[in-house]
């Protein structure tokens, strides 16, 4: 599972922009751990990339 900074680095996006996108329901799915940290499964990030590619085609 990827940490949020790793996801932001991979998609080249600021944290603020990511949270705006998340509020609109357009961001990769995140999982909140019991300690409050956020993680993203690789498969969820890959699926998000796929949806982005399809929407631009």
N, C-alpha and C. Protein backbone atom coordinates (compact mmCIF):
# COMPACT_ATOMS: atom_id res chain seq x y z
N UNK A 1 0.84 -1.17 0.00
CA UNK A 1 0.00 0.00 0.00
C UNK A 1 0.89 1.24 0.00
N UNK A 2 0.46 2.23 -0.74
CA UNK A 2 1.22 3.46 -0.91
C UNK A 2 0.80 4.51 0.10
N UNK A 3 1.76 5.23 0.62
CA UNK A 3 1.47 6.36 1.49
C UNK A 3 1.01 7.52 0.62
N UNK A 4 0.26 8.45 1.21
CA UNK A 4 -0.27 9.57 0.46
C UNK A 4 0.84 10.37 -0.24
N UNK A 5 1.97 10.68 0.41
CA UNK A 5 3.03 11.41 -0.30
C UNK A 5 3.55 10.66 -1.54
N UNK A 6 3.57 9.33 -1.48
CA UNK A 6 3.99 8.53 -2.63
C UNK A 6 2.98 8.66 -3.77
N UNK A 7 1.70 8.65 -3.43
CA UNK A 7 0.65 8.81 -4.44
C UNK A 7 0.76 10.19 -5.07
N UNK A 8 0.90 11.22 -4.24
CA UNK A 8 0.99 12.59 -4.74
C UNK A 8 2.19 12.76 -5.66
N UNK A 9 3.29 12.15 -5.31
CA UNK A 9 4.49 12.21 -6.14
C UNK A 9 4.26 11.53 -7.48
N UNK A 10 3.62 10.37 -7.45
CA UNK A 10 3.39 9.63 -8.69
C UNK A 10 2.44 10.36 -9.64
N UNK A 11 1.42 11.01 -9.09
CA UNK A 11 0.46 11.70 -9.96
C UNK A 11 0.81 13.17 -10.15
N UNK A 12 1.92 13.60 -9.56
CA UNK A 12 2.40 14.99 -9.71
C UNK A 12 1.32 16.01 -9.34
N UNK A 13 0.85 15.89 -8.11
CA UNK A 13 -0.23 16.75 -7.66
C UNK A 13 0.03 17.21 -6.23
N UNK A 14 -0.38 18.42 -5.93
CA UNK A 14 -0.23 18.92 -4.57
C UNK A 14 -1.28 18.26 -3.68
N UNK A 15 -1.03 18.29 -2.40
CA UNK A 15 -1.97 17.73 -1.43
C UNK A 15 -3.32 18.46 -1.51
N UNK A 16 -3.27 19.80 -1.61
CA UNK A 16 -4.52 20.59 -1.67
C UNK A 16 -5.34 20.23 -2.91
N UNK A 17 -4.68 20.12 -4.06
CA UNK A 17 -5.38 19.76 -5.29
C UNK A 17 -5.97 18.36 -5.18
N UNK A 18 -5.22 17.45 -4.57
CA UNK A 18 -5.70 16.08 -4.40
C UNK A 18 -6.96 16.06 -3.53
N UNK A 19 -6.95 16.80 -2.43
CA UNK A 19 -8.12 16.82 -1.55
C UNK A 19 -9.32 17.49 -2.22
N UNK A 20 -9.10 18.48 -3.06
CA UNK A 20 -10.21 19.06 -3.82
C UNK A 20 -10.81 18.02 -4.77
N UNK A 21 -9.94 17.29 -5.44
CA UNK A 21 -10.39 16.25 -6.35
C UNK A 21 -11.11 15.14 -5.58
N UNK A 22 -10.60 14.82 -4.41
CA UNK A 22 -11.22 13.79 -3.57
C UNK A 22 -12.61 14.23 -3.12
N UNK A 23 -12.77 15.50 -2.79
CA UNK A 23 -14.07 16.02 -2.37
C UNK A 23 -15.10 15.91 -3.49
N UNK A 24 -14.65 16.01 -4.73
CA UNK A 24 -15.54 15.86 -5.88
C UNK A 24 -15.76 14.40 -6.26
N UNK A 25 -15.07 13.48 -5.59
CA UNK A 25 -15.23 12.05 -5.88
C UNK A 25 -14.42 11.57 -7.06
N UNK A 26 -13.37 12.31 -7.43
CA UNK A 26 -12.58 11.97 -8.61
C UNK A 26 -11.18 11.46 -8.30
N UNK A 27 -10.88 11.19 -7.07
CA UNK A 27 -9.53 10.78 -6.67
C UNK A 27 -9.46 9.26 -6.49
N UNK A 28 -8.25 8.72 -6.49
CA UNK A 28 -8.11 7.29 -6.19
C UNK A 28 -8.65 7.00 -4.79
N UNK A 29 -9.14 5.82 -4.60
CA UNK A 29 -9.70 5.40 -3.30
C UNK A 29 -8.59 5.33 -2.26
N UNK A 30 -8.86 5.91 -1.09
CA UNK A 30 -7.92 5.87 0.02
C UNK A 30 -8.51 5.06 1.16
N UNK A 31 -7.62 4.47 1.94
CA UNK A 31 -8.02 3.70 3.12
C UNK A 31 -7.43 4.41 4.33
N UNK A 32 -8.26 4.66 5.33
CA UNK A 32 -7.78 5.28 6.55
C UNK A 32 -7.45 4.19 7.56
N UNK A 33 -6.21 4.16 7.99
CA UNK A 33 -5.76 3.16 8.95
C UNK A 33 -6.20 3.56 10.36
N UNK A 34 -6.20 2.61 11.29
CA UNK A 34 -6.60 2.93 12.67
C UNK A 34 -5.78 4.06 13.31
N UNK A 35 -4.54 4.24 12.85
CA UNK A 35 -3.71 5.30 13.41
C UNK A 35 -3.95 6.64 12.72
N UNK A 36 -4.91 6.70 11.78
CA UNK A 36 -5.27 7.93 11.11
C UNK A 36 -4.55 8.18 9.80
N UNK A 37 -3.53 7.40 9.51
CA UNK A 37 -2.79 7.58 8.26
C UNK A 37 -3.61 7.06 7.08
N UNK A 38 -3.36 7.66 5.91
CA UNK A 38 -4.05 7.26 4.70
C UNK A 38 -3.14 6.42 3.82
N UNK A 39 -3.72 5.41 3.18
CA UNK A 39 -2.98 4.56 2.25
C UNK A 39 -3.84 4.36 1.01
N UNK A 40 -3.16 4.05 -0.09
CA UNK A 40 -3.83 3.76 -1.34
C UNK A 40 -3.29 2.43 -1.86
N UNK A 41 -4.18 1.53 -2.17
CA UNK A 41 -3.74 0.26 -2.76
C UNK A 41 -3.25 0.53 -4.17
N UNK A 42 -2.22 -0.18 -4.57
CA UNK A 42 -1.68 -0.03 -5.93
C UNK A 42 -2.76 -0.29 -6.96
N UNK A 43 -3.59 -1.31 -6.75
CA UNK A 43 -4.63 -1.62 -7.73
C UNK A 43 -5.65 -0.49 -7.85
N UNK A 44 -5.95 0.21 -6.73
CA UNK A 44 -6.88 1.33 -6.78
C UNK A 44 -6.28 2.50 -7.56
N UNK A 45 -4.98 2.74 -7.38
CA UNK A 45 -4.31 3.81 -8.11
C UNK A 45 -4.24 3.47 -9.60
N UNK A 46 -3.93 2.22 -9.91
CA UNK A 46 -3.87 1.80 -11.32
C UNK A 46 -5.25 1.90 -11.98
N UNK A 47 -6.30 1.53 -11.24
CA UNK A 47 -7.66 1.64 -11.79
C UNK A 47 -8.02 3.11 -12.02
N UNK A 48 -7.60 3.97 -11.13
CA UNK A 48 -7.86 5.40 -11.28
C UNK A 48 -7.15 5.93 -12.54
N UNK A 49 -5.87 5.53 -12.73
CA UNK A 49 -5.15 5.93 -13.94
C UNK A 49 -5.91 5.48 -15.18
N UNK A 50 -6.42 4.24 -15.16
CA UNK A 50 -7.16 3.69 -16.29
C UNK A 50 -8.41 4.53 -16.58
N UNK A 51 -9.13 4.91 -15.54
CA UNK A 51 -10.32 5.75 -15.74
C UNK A 51 -9.95 7.11 -16.32
N UNK A 52 -8.82 7.66 -15.88
CA UNK A 52 -8.36 8.95 -16.42
C UNK A 52 -8.04 8.83 -17.90
N UNK A 53 -7.39 7.74 -18.29
CA UNK A 53 -7.04 7.53 -19.70
C UNK A 53 -8.29 7.37 -20.55
N UNK A 54 -9.29 6.65 -20.03
CA UNK A 54 -10.51 6.42 -20.79
C UNK A 54 -11.31 7.71 -20.96
N UNK A 55 -11.28 8.57 -19.95
CA UNK A 55 -12.07 9.81 -20.04
C UNK A 55 -11.45 10.81 -21.00
N UNK A 56 -10.17 10.66 -21.32
CA UNK A 56 -9.53 11.59 -22.27
C UNK A 56 -9.53 11.05 -23.69
N UNK A 57 -9.90 9.79 -23.84
CA UNK A 57 -9.90 9.17 -25.17
C UNK A 57 -11.15 9.48 -25.94
